[in-house]
Amino acid sequence: MAGSIRLFLRTTENDYQQQLKEEAIREGKRADFAIEAESAQDDAGRQLAQITAAIQQAHATNLVAVLIAPVRDDTLAPTVRAAAEAGVEWVLLNREADFIEEQRRQFTERAIFAVTPEQAEIGRIHGQQVRSLMPDGGCVLCVTGPLSASSAQHRLDGLKSVIVDPYRLVTLSADWTSEGARLALERWLKNITKDTEVPGVFVAQNDEMALGLRQAARDAAVRLNLPLDKTPIVGCDGTPTLGQRLVREGRLRGTVVTPPASGPAVELIARMRSHGEIPPAVVIQAVTSFPGLSSLRS
């Protein structure tokens, strides 16, 4: 066995996070790494404690690397130095962070890097999906993840670059969960007036939040007599078992497929350990619309 890799997940109650675990295990078997996964249960303090404990026990557990799908980006900088000083590679999944470049300059022999889908492109694809579904303009309501997360902010920036006049964008912030998105939309609906423009398309920054929007929209159709239950919804992550399935079932109109970052991360760690190839600071993965934009237009 070449050593162990610890994968720190935001939660296990999420289809995409589960895909991260599965891909890490699959690639770990190929590279002869033992993969161990831990869930933070959406608690940033818990995740930080988990990572710190693993690094402190690195020698005893033959720890090679830590892979982190973060609850919060901005709490992790101290773990990079601790990992590097312990001889452990450090990888951020699905995010980017300014402190990575600084730490790479200090620890030139360590693999310190991020693997992430092209976050702004996710937002741009969302914008193109909206334009396909509502070509004449109108109100678009987007529920984001926490905007303290670089992924949520970059996705929103990408969406704003495409959704311009004659479109009007309303943004609500949630916590990546179905319940968080449902509550965010319900709060917004409580404050609308007869002059409020009803959204013609809902955008959710992941497929779980898209389900929450769908539930709130269906409830509003009954309670408030608003025609939101037929409003198209697009999401993101696009795993075969959730996002793509929801599109095929007609519960979502579209999603954005974001390949799991954990498999490439493990592969790059293996290459670094066997050939000394330090990965680049950021490895970007391509994302795609599901279904294709031409199908949405038709």
Foldseek 3Di string as FASTA:
>chain_A
DQFEEEEEFQAPPDPLSVVLVVLLCVLCVVLVYHYHYDYQPLDQVSSVVVLVVCLVCCVVRVAAEYEYAHSADVPCLVSLVSQLVSNHAYEYEAAADPCQVVSCVVRVLHQRAYEHAQLLVQLLVVLLLVCLQPVVAFEEEEEFEPCSTRSRVSSVVSVVVRQDPVYHYHYWYFHPALQRLLVRVVVVVVPDDPPDTDHQEYEYAAQRVQNSQLVNQVVCCVPVVDNRNPRAYEYECPDVVGRLVCCVVVVHVKYKHIDRRNNVVSVQSSCCVVPVDHDDRYHYDYMAIVPHSVVSND
